[in-house]
Amino acid sequence: MKIFSTFQQFNLKPRDEHTKIEQFRILLNLIQSIISTYITHQNLKNFNIQKLYRNLRCIIQIFTLYQKKINKMITINIDDIKLMTWIKHEDFYEVTFQYKQNFQDKFIFDIQSGTLGHQALVKKIAQDNFTENYEMLETIKRTQNGEIIKCRRRENNEVFVAKIQQNNHFLIERELQINLYLAENPHENVASMVEYYFENDQIILMYPYFSGGTLNQLVNTYANNISKLKVKSIMKKILSGLNHIHNLGIIHRDIKMDNIMIEEIDDHKCVKIIDFGFSAFKDNLSYLSEKCGTIGYFAPEIINGQFYNNKCDIYSLAQVFHMLLTGNPMFDRNMNTQQIIRLSKNNLFAIDYRNIKESKAQQLLFKMLDFQEKRYDVQLCLQHSYFFKAENLELKINNVRTFEFKSPF
């Protein structure tokens, strides 16, 4: 990774760095004093002189920083770095790298170079100054190992979501690695981590804030009045995101209504899959017999302790599909956990046919709910005629002319 700095003329040799810095600091202080006196006595408003004055002050600040390094170019190996701290001053960035070998390095960048460097590294290396960068607004949800918090970035007031967890379990490391991989391979229907922090024995994963809420909130708002076209559009976008995840070799393992977000209120055009806390790489067979996920969304093979593959996500998505179509879960709300588990083991469920009148929707739902060997994968779901019909129907609706009728009265 190469980051360029505009302070090229101050590329100092290590052996006489401190001597040259001290000499330069004295010289710059003298220049600042002269210009300051000149501006005061002449009462000048000349922009260039004032800009020069500000730049000199900036350079003096830079040279008084402890253990500074001002280089033409730096090359770093991100695997060697444990933490980094980026501090934005008025006219420059100050960055400190903490290496795994227990030493630090500090560098100064102009704003443009610092911004580019920060953007290049922020999804690859942990930072340690979350509380300095963010103001916590409200708790969205409490989890077994932490909480989900709505935050505001102090620098620009932009709103984000922080997933804060105690960094005390190997599952946290696995979740981080999957998030890092997804951040390097983004998709429009998968929520990507924007940066992450290690602070006070906690790991903090930062995500964009989606004001549209979850699919659960959408269904609760509109009951079973969500249009057929909207359901088909949402399902296709979820499957598109899931296809991307599966192509990366990742199984989500907790697809559910609360883990699908709408980016903006009343706009289903951008749907995001979130929360990779239970996710695993499919090549790691030791994880693919774990019982994990959410009751009511489990695939039978998970409940029965069998080895499973990425088709378990399709079974879970079928539960989401049913909720979108009918407004109701496939398992009666009055059932307790043991009753649901008993039915799930034998792949028994109740479909609300009263609210699923479209035969293509019924067919796709059954294919998604089949036992693992016969169950559709993502590709087969996307190729189902249910979605082709949606495209044709949408085209017809767009071509329909609306006629105005005169009142007979």
Protein backbone atom coordinates (compact mmCIF):
# COMPACT_ATOMS: atom_id res chain seq x y z
CA MET A 1 0.00 0.00 0.00
CA LYS A 2 1.56 3.33 -1.06
CA ILE A 3 0.41 6.68 0.24
CA PHE A 4 1.81 9.92 -1.12
CA SER A 5 2.38 13.06 0.91
CA THR A 6 2.83 16.58 -0.44
CA PHE A 7 5.41 17.34 2.25
CA GLN A 8 8.08 15.93 -0.04
CA GLN A 9 10.61 18.67 0.64
CA PHE A 10 10.79 17.60 4.27
CA ASN A 11 12.06 14.11 3.63
CA LEU A 12 14.59 13.90 6.47
CA LYS A 13 17.30 11.34 7.05
CA PRO A 14 16.87 9.36 10.30
CA ARG A 15 20.36 10.04 11.64
CA ASP A 16 20.04 13.84 11.81
CA GLU A 17 16.22 14.07 11.89
CA HIS A 18 15.91 15.71 15.33
CA THR A 19 18.64 18.27 14.65
CA LYS A 20 17.13 19.36 11.34
CA ILE A 21 13.64 19.48 12.80
CA GLU A 22 14.79 21.75 15.61
CA GLN A 23 16.63 24.06 13.23
CA PHE A 24 13.67 24.22 10.89
CA ARG A 25 11.26 24.85 13.77
CA ILE A 26 13.27 27.86 14.93
CA LEU A 27 13.44 29.24 11.40
CA LEU A 28 9.69 28.83 10.83
CA ASN A 29 8.87 30.47 14.16
CA LEU A 30 10.96 33.45 13.10
CA ILE A 31 9.21 33.67 9.70
CA GLN A 32 5.81 33.41 11.36
CA SER A 33 6.66 36.18 13.79
CA ILE A 34 7.80 38.50 10.98
CA ILE A 35 4.71 37.90 8.83
CA SER A 36 2.39 38.23 11.82
CA THR A 37 3.89 41.61 12.72
CA TYR A 38 3.73 42.76 9.09
CA ILE A 39 0.06 41.83 8.73
CA THR A 40 -0.85 43.53 12.01
CA HIS A 41 0.86 46.83 11.19
CA GLN A 42 -0.22 47.05 7.57
CA ASN A 43 -3.78 45.87 8.32
CA LEU A 44 -3.64 43.76 5.15
CA LYS A 45 -6.45 41.47 3.99
CA ASN A 46 -4.46 39.88 1.23
CA PHE A 47 -5.63 36.29 0.87
CA ASN A 48 -2.30 34.87 -0.28
CA ILE A 49 -0.37 36.28 2.66
CA GLN A 50 -2.98 35.03 5.12
CA LYS A 51 -2.95 31.63 3.47
CA LEU A 52 0.84 31.55 3.74
CA TYR A 53 0.55 32.46 7.40
CA ARG A 54 -1.90 29.62 8.04
CA ASN A 55 0.33 27.17 6.15
CA LEU A 56 3.34 28.20 8.23
CA ARG A 57 1.37 27.63 11.41
CA CYS A 58 0.36 24.22 10.08
CA ILE A 59 3.98 23.30 9.35
CA ILE A 60 5.07 24.40 12.82
CA GLN A 61 2.36 22.23 14.36
CA ILE A 62 3.56 19.32 12.27
CA PHE A 63 7.17 19.71 13.37
CA THR A 64 6.27 19.89 17.04
CA LEU A 65 4.48 16.52 16.99
CA TYR A 66 6.16 13.79 18.97
CA GLN A 67 8.10 11.16 16.98
CA LYS A 68 7.05 12.61 13.63
CA LYS A 69 7.93 11.36 10.18
CA ILE A 70 7.26 13.40 7.05
CA ASN A 71 8.03 11.30 4.01
CA LYS A 72 7.73 11.47 0.29
CA MET A 73 6.19 8.00 0.24
CA ILE A 74 5.56 5.24 2.72
CA THR A 75 5.05 1.56 2.01
CA ILE A 76 3.33 -0.55 4.66
CA ASN A 77 2.39 -4.19 5.05
CA ILE A 78 -1.11 -4.20 6.54
CA ASP A 79 -0.56 -7.68 7.96
CA ASP A 80 2.11 -6.22 10.26
CA ILE A 81 -0.19 -3.55 11.72
CA LYS A 82 -2.35 -4.19 14.77
CA LEU A 83 -4.11 -0.82 15.11
CA MET A 84 -4.11 2.62 13.55
CA THR A 85 -5.28 6.04 14.72
CA TRP A 86 -6.25 8.76 12.24
CA ILE A 87 -6.60 12.29 13.60
CA LYS A 88 -7.80 15.01 11.28
CA HIS A 89 -6.48 18.50 12.03
CA GLU A 90 -7.49 21.66 10.21
CA ASP A 91 -4.89 21.34 7.46
CA PHE A 92 -3.41 17.87 7.79
CA TYR A 93 -3.89 14.26 8.95
CA GLU A 94 -1.84 12.66 11.69
CA VAL A 95 -1.75 8.86 11.60
CA THR A 96 -0.18 6.45 14.05
CA PHE A 97 0.41 2.80 13.19
CA GLN A 98 0.75 0.34 16.07
CA TYR A 99 2.63 -2.72 14.86
CA LYS A 100 2.19 -6.27 16.10
CA GLN A 101 5.86 -6.21 17.09
CA ASN A 102 4.93 -3.64 19.80
CA PHE A 103 6.30 -0.44 18.28
CA GLN A 104 4.68 2.62 16.74
CA ASP A 105 5.21 4.78 13.69
CA LYS A 106 3.73 8.23 13.15
CA PHE A 107 3.25 10.06 9.84
CA ILE A 108 1.83 13.36 8.63
CA PHE A 109 -0.28 13.75 5.47
CA ASP A 110 -1.88 16.70 3.79
CA ILE A 111 -5.71 16.56 3.65
CA GLN A 112 -5.98 15.13 0.16
CA SER A 113 -3.38 12.41 0.65
CA GLY A 114 -4.67 11.66 4.14
CA THR A 115 -8.23 11.24 2.88
CA LEU A 116 -7.11 8.83 0.17
CA GLY A 117 -4.94 6.88 2.60
CA HIS A 118 -7.72 6.64 5.16
CA GLN A 119 -10.20 5.40 2.55
CA ALA A 120 -7.70 2.79 1.36
CA LEU A 121 -6.98 1.39 4.84
CA VAL A 122 -10.13 1.90 6.89
CA LYS A 123 -11.73 -1.42 5.85
CA LYS A 124 -8.48 -3.35 6.29
CA ILE A 125 -7.01 -2.22 9.62
CA ALA A 126 -8.71 -1.68 12.98
CA GLN A 127 -8.79 1.75 14.59
CA ASP A 128 -8.83 2.53 18.31
CA ASN A 129 -10.60 5.90 18.65
CA PHE A 130 -14.32 5.08 18.24
CA THR A 131 -15.49 7.34 21.09
CA GLU A 132 -13.55 10.26 19.62
CA ASN A 133 -15.08 9.75 16.18
CA TYR A 134 -18.69 8.89 17.07
CA GLU A 135 -21.49 10.05 19.33
CA MET A 136 -23.84 7.26 20.43
CA LEU A 137 -27.49 8.21 19.91
CA GLU A 138 -29.67 5.25 20.93
CA THR A 139 -29.64 1.52 21.45
CA ILE A 140 -31.42 -0.28 18.62
CA LYS A 141 -31.07 -3.79 20.00
CA ARG A 142 -29.32 -5.68 22.78
CA THR A 143 -27.60 -8.96 21.91
CA GLN A 144 -26.19 -11.81 23.96
CA ASN A 145 -22.66 -10.45 23.56
CA GLY A 146 -23.25 -6.71 23.17
CA GLU A 147 -25.59 -4.24 21.52
CA ILE A 148 -26.49 -2.52 18.25
CA ILE A 149 -26.30 1.27 18.54
CA LYS A 150 -27.29 4.14 16.28
CA CYS A 151 -24.38 6.62 16.10
CA ARG A 152 -23.51 9.97 14.60
CA ARG A 153 -20.07 10.69 13.19
CA ARG A 154 -18.79 13.84 14.85
CA GLU A 155 -16.93 15.05 11.78
CA ASN A 156 -19.95 15.39 9.46
CA ASN A 157 -23.05 14.28 11.47
CA GLU A 158 -23.58 11.28 9.18
CA VAL A 159 -25.55 8.48 10.87
CA PHE A 160 -24.21 4.92 11.13
CA VAL A 161 -24.93 1.72 13.02
CA ALA A 162 -22.35 0.24 15.40
CA LYS A 163 -22.38 -3.45 16.32
CA ILE A 164 -20.51 -3.51 19.62
CA GLN A 165 -19.41 -6.87 21.04
CA GLN A 166 -17.03 -8.16 23.68
CA ASN A 167 -13.97 -9.42 21.83
CA ASN A 168 -13.80 -12.67 23.76
CA HIS A 169 -14.78 -15.47 21.40
CA PHE A 170 -13.45 -17.12 18.25
CA LEU A 171 -16.83 -16.51 16.58
CA ILE A 172 -16.15 -12.78 16.73
CA GLU A 173 -12.93 -13.27 14.77
CA ARG A 174 -14.79 -15.35 12.19
CA GLU A 175 -17.48 -12.67 11.84
CA LEU A 176 -14.77 -10.04 11.36
CA GLN A 177 -13.00 -12.06 8.66
CA ILE A 178 -16.26 -12.54 6.76
CA ASN A 179 -17.07 -8.83 7.03
CA LEU A 180 -13.60 -7.91 5.78
CA TYR A 181 -14.04 -10.26 2.81
CA LEU A 182 -17.47 -8.81 1.99
CA ALA A 183 -16.11 -5.26 2.26
CA GLU A 184 -13.50 -6.14 -0.37
CA ASN A 185 -16.22 -7.70 -2.56
CA PRO A 186 -19.28 -5.42 -2.23
CA HIS A 187 -22.75 -5.99 -3.67
CA GLU A 188 -25.72 -3.64 -3.83
CA ASN A 189 -27.93 -6.04 -1.86
CA VAL A 190 -25.43 -6.90 0.88
CA ALA A 191 -24.62 -4.49 3.72
CA SER A 192 -20.86 -3.84 3.81
CA MET A 193 -18.86 -2.86 6.87
CA VAL A 194 -17.43 0.67 6.45
CA GLU A 195 -14.77 0.47 9.21
CA TYR A 196 -14.06 -1.26 12.51
CA TYR A 197 -12.52 -0.54 15.90
CA PHE A 198 -10.85 -2.32 18.81
CA GLU A 199 -11.51 -0.34 21.98
CA ASN A 200 -11.76 -1.32 25.67
CA ASP A 201 -11.74 -5.07 24.94
CA GLN A 202 -14.58 -4.58 22.47
CA ILE A 203 -14.80 -5.00 18.73
CA ILE A 204 -17.00 -2.42 16.99
CA LEU A 205 -18.19 -3.03 13.44
CA MET A 206 -19.57 0.04 11.65
CA TYR A 207 -22.31 -0.15 9.01
CA PRO A 208 -24.45 2.34 7.08
CA TYR A 209 -27.76 3.28 8.68
CA PHE A 210 -30.81 2.15 6.70
CA SER A 211 -33.83 4.33 7.50
CA GLY A 212 -36.33 2.00 5.79
CA GLY A 213 -36.19 -0.51 8.65
CA THR A 214 -36.45 -4.30 8.51
CA LEU A 215 -38.80 -6.50 6.51
CA ASN A 216 -40.57 -7.23 9.80
CA GLN A 217 -41.35 -3.55 10.16
CA LEU A 218 -42.52 -3.43 6.55
CA VAL A 219 -44.94 -6.34 7.06
CA ASN A 220 -46.20 -4.94 10.37
CA THR A 221 -46.92 -1.63 8.65
CA TYR A 222 -48.71 -3.01 5.59
CA ALA A 223 -49.99 -6.34 7.02
CA ASN A 224 -50.74 -8.56 4.01
CA ASN A 225 -51.34 -5.61 1.69
CA ILE A 226 -47.85 -5.62 0.15
CA SER A 227 -48.33 -5.67 -3.61
CA LYS A 228 -47.39 -8.75 -5.62
CA LEU A 229 -44.91 -6.74 -7.67
CA LYS A 230 -43.22 -5.40 -4.56
CA VAL A 231 -42.87 -8.91 -3.08
CA LYS A 232 -41.35 -10.22 -6.31
CA SER A 233 -38.96 -7.27 -6.50
CA ILE A 234 -37.85 -7.72 -2.89
CA MET A 235 -37.38 -11.47 -3.27
CA LYS A 236 -35.33 -11.08 -6.43
CA LYS A 237 -33.02 -8.58 -4.73
CA ILE A 238 -32.56 -10.82 -1.68
CA LEU A 239 -31.75 -13.77 -3.94
CA SER A 240 -29.31 -11.60 -5.89
CA GLY A 241 -27.48 -10.67 -2.68
CA LEU A 242 -27.58 -14.27 -1.46
CA ASN A 243 -26.19 -15.45 -4.79
CA HIS A 244 -23.25 -13.08 -4.34
CA ILE A 245 -22.63 -14.33 -0.79
CA HIS A 246 -22.75 -17.97 -1.88
CA ASN A 247 -20.44 -17.30 -4.82
CA LEU A 248 -17.91 -15.96 -2.31
CA GLY A 249 -18.09 -19.27 -0.46
CA ILE A 250 -20.09 -17.91 2.49
CA ILE A 251 -23.23 -19.36 4.09
CA HIS A 252 -25.28 -16.77 6.00
CA ARG A 253 -27.08 -19.24 8.32
CA ASP A 254 -29.46 -16.65 9.81
CA ILE A 255 -31.63 -15.35 6.99
CA LYS A 256 -34.79 -13.91 8.56
CA MET A 257 -37.12 -10.92 8.44
CA ASP A 258 -35.03 -8.89 10.88
CA ASN A 259 -31.85 -9.48 8.87
CA ILE A 260 -33.20 -7.94 5.67
CA MET A 261 -33.22 -4.14 5.60
CA ILE A 262 -34.85 -1.55 3.36
CA GLU A 263 -32.40 1.25 2.65
CA GLU A 264 -34.96 4.09 2.62
CA ILE A 265 -38.48 4.52 3.98
CA ASP A 266 -41.24 3.52 1.53
CA ASP A 267 -38.69 2.46 -1.07
CA HIS A 268 -38.20 -1.26 -1.67
CA LYS A 269 -35.81 -0.73 -4.56
CA CYS A 270 -32.72 -1.18 -2.42
CA VAL A 271 -32.77 -4.21 -0.13
CA LYS A 272 -29.81 -5.23 2.04
CA ILE A 273 -28.87 -8.51 3.73
CA ILE A 274 -27.30 -7.77 7.13
CA ASP A 275 -25.78 -9.48 10.20
CA PHE A 276 -23.11 -12.10 9.54
CA GLY A 277 -22.73 -13.15 13.17
CA PHE A 278 -23.64 -16.79 12.40
CA SER A 279 -22.07 -16.89 8.94
CA ALA A 280 -19.36 -19.37 7.96
CA PHE A 281 -17.17 -20.22 4.99
CA LYS A 282 -18.62 -23.31 3.34
CA ASP A 283 -15.17 -24.90 2.93
CA ASN A 284 -14.79 -25.07 6.72
CA LEU A 285 -16.61 -28.36 7.29
CA SER A 286 -16.21 -28.24 11.06
CA TYR A 287 -18.78 -25.43 11.19
CA LEU A 288 -21.32 -27.06 8.90
CA SER A 289 -22.95 -29.24 11.53
CA GLU A 290 -23.43 -26.45 14.09
CA LYS A 291 -26.98 -25.77 15.20
CA CYS A 292 -27.32 -22.05 14.70
CA GLY A 293 -29.84 -19.57 13.39
CA THR A 294 -33.29 -18.54 14.60
CA ILE A 295 -36.19 -20.76 15.68
CA GLY A 296 -38.84 -20.83 12.96
CA TYR A 297 -36.28 -20.31 10.19
CA PHE A 298 -34.15 -23.44 10.76
CA ALA A 299 -33.79 -25.91 7.91
CA PRO A 300 -34.56 -29.56 8.91
CA GLU A 301 -30.94 -30.63 8.33
CA ILE A 302 -29.73 -28.08 10.91
CA ILE A 303 -32.29 -29.15 13.51
CA ASN A 304 -31.35 -32.81 12.95
CA GLY A 305 -27.62 -32.18 13.35
CA GLN A 306 -26.78 -33.24 9.81
CA PHE A 307 -24.12 -31.74 7.57
CA TYR A 308 -25.62 -28.97 5.50
CA ASN A 309 -24.72 -26.60 2.68
CA ASN A 310 -25.76 -23.19 1.42
CA LYS A 311 -29.27 -24.48 0.66
CA CYS A 312 -30.09 -23.95 4.34
CA ASP A 313 -30.27 -20.24 3.49
CA ILE A 314 -32.90 -20.99 0.84
CA TYR A 315 -35.09 -22.78 3.39
CA SER A 316 -34.84 -19.80 5.73
CA LEU A 317 -35.62 -17.44 2.88
CA ALA A 318 -38.76 -19.47 2.15
CA GLN A 319 -40.04 -18.45 5.59
CA VAL A 320 -39.38 -14.82 4.64
CA PHE A 321 -41.13 -15.37 1.30
CA HIS A 322 -44.21 -16.74 3.07
CA MET A 323 -44.32 -13.76 5.43
CA LEU A 324 -44.12 -11.31 2.54
CA LEU A 325 -46.89 -13.10 0.64
CA THR A 326 -49.29 -13.61 3.54
CA GLY A 327 -48.28 -11.37 6.42
CA ASN A 328 -48.10 -14.48 8.64
CA PRO A 329 -45.35 -16.92 9.68
CA MET A 330 -45.55 -20.56 8.58
CA PHE A 331 -45.65 -21.66 12.21
CA ASP A 332 -48.59 -20.53 14.33
CA ARG A 333 -47.66 -17.62 16.60
CA ASN A 334 -49.14 -19.48 19.58
CA MET A 335 -46.72 -22.41 19.21
CA ASN A 336 -43.88 -22.70 21.71
CA THR A 337 -40.26 -23.36 20.81
CA GLN A 338 -40.43 -27.14 21.33
CA GLN A 339 -43.48 -27.48 19.11
CA ILE A 340 -41.79 -25.55 16.30
CA ILE A 341 -38.60 -27.62 16.61
CA ARG A 342 -40.60 -30.87 16.53
CA LEU A 343 -42.34 -29.81 13.29
CA SER A 344 -39.11 -28.49 11.75
CA LYS A 345 -37.31 -31.80 12.29
CA ASN A 346 -39.80 -33.51 9.99
CA ASN A 347 -40.12 -30.55 7.61
CA LEU A 348 -43.78 -30.04 8.54
CA PHE A 349 -45.32 -26.63 8.04
CA ALA A 350 -48.61 -24.90 7.28
CA ILE A 351 -48.86 -22.70 4.20
CA ASP A 352 -51.48 -19.95 4.19
CA TYR A 353 -53.04 -20.74 0.81
CA ARG A 354 -55.78 -18.16 1.32
CA ASN A 355 -53.25 -15.40 0.70
CA ILE A 356 -51.09 -17.16 -1.92
CA LYS A 357 -53.34 -17.45 -4.92
CA GLU A 358 -50.63 -17.22 -7.57
CA SER A 359 -49.64 -20.73 -8.61
CA LYS A 360 -46.07 -19.74 -9.57
CA ALA A 361 -45.51 -18.36 -6.08
CA GLN A 362 -46.77 -21.61 -4.55
CA GLN A 363 -44.50 -23.68 -6.79
CA LEU A 364 -41.39 -21.65 -5.95
CA LEU A 365 -42.21 -21.75 -2.24
CA PHE A 366 -42.47 -25.56 -2.29
CA LYS A 367 -39.15 -25.87 -4.14
CA MET A 368 -37.49 -23.70 -1.50
CA LEU A 369 -38.99 -25.77 1.34
CA ASP A 370 -38.05 -29.21 0.02
CA PHE A 371 -35.54 -31.47 1.75
CA GLN A 372 -31.92 -30.50 1.16
CA GLU A 373 -31.22 -32.95 -1.70
CA LYS A 374 -34.14 -31.72 -3.82
CA ARG A 375 -34.28 -28.11 -2.62
CA TYR A 376 -33.59 -25.36 -5.12
CA ASP A 377 -30.32 -23.44 -4.86
CA VAL A 378 -30.11 -19.68 -5.49
CA GLN A 379 -29.58 -19.99 -9.22
CA LEU A 380 -32.63 -22.21 -9.72
CA CYS A 381 -34.74 -19.83 -7.66
CA LEU A 382 -33.68 -16.87 -9.79
CA GLN A 383 -34.44 -18.82 -12.97
CA HIS A 384 -37.96 -19.73 -11.82
CA SER A 385 -40.81 -18.51 -14.04
CA TYR A 386 -42.27 -16.67 -11.03
CA PHE A 387 -39.77 -13.88 -11.66
CA PHE A 388 -40.16 -13.86 -15.44
CA LYS A 389 -43.87 -13.37 -15.01
CA ALA A 390 -43.16 -10.48 -12.64
CA GLU A 391 -41.07 -8.75 -15.28
CA ASN A 392 -43.76 -9.26 -17.95
CA LEU A 393 -46.50 -8.08 -15.61
CA GLU A 394 -44.54 -5.00 -14.64
CA LEU A 395 -44.02 -4.21 -18.31
CA LYS A 396 -47.74 -4.55 -19.01
CA ILE A 397 -48.67 -2.32 -16.09
CA ASN A 398 -46.28 0.37 -17.31
CA ASN A 399 -47.91 0.23 -20.74
CA VAL A 400 -51.50 0.45 -19.50
CA ARG A 401 -53.22 3.72 -20.34
CA THR A 402 -55.41 5.30 -17.71
CA PHE A 403 -58.64 6.70 -19.12
CA GLU A 404 -60.59 9.64 -17.69
CA PHE A 405 -64.33 9.19 -17.53
CA LYS A 406 -66.74 12.12 -17.51
CA SER A 407 -69.19 12.26 -14.65
CA PRO A 408 -72.78 11.55 -15.75
CA PHE A 409 -74.02 14.08 -13.23
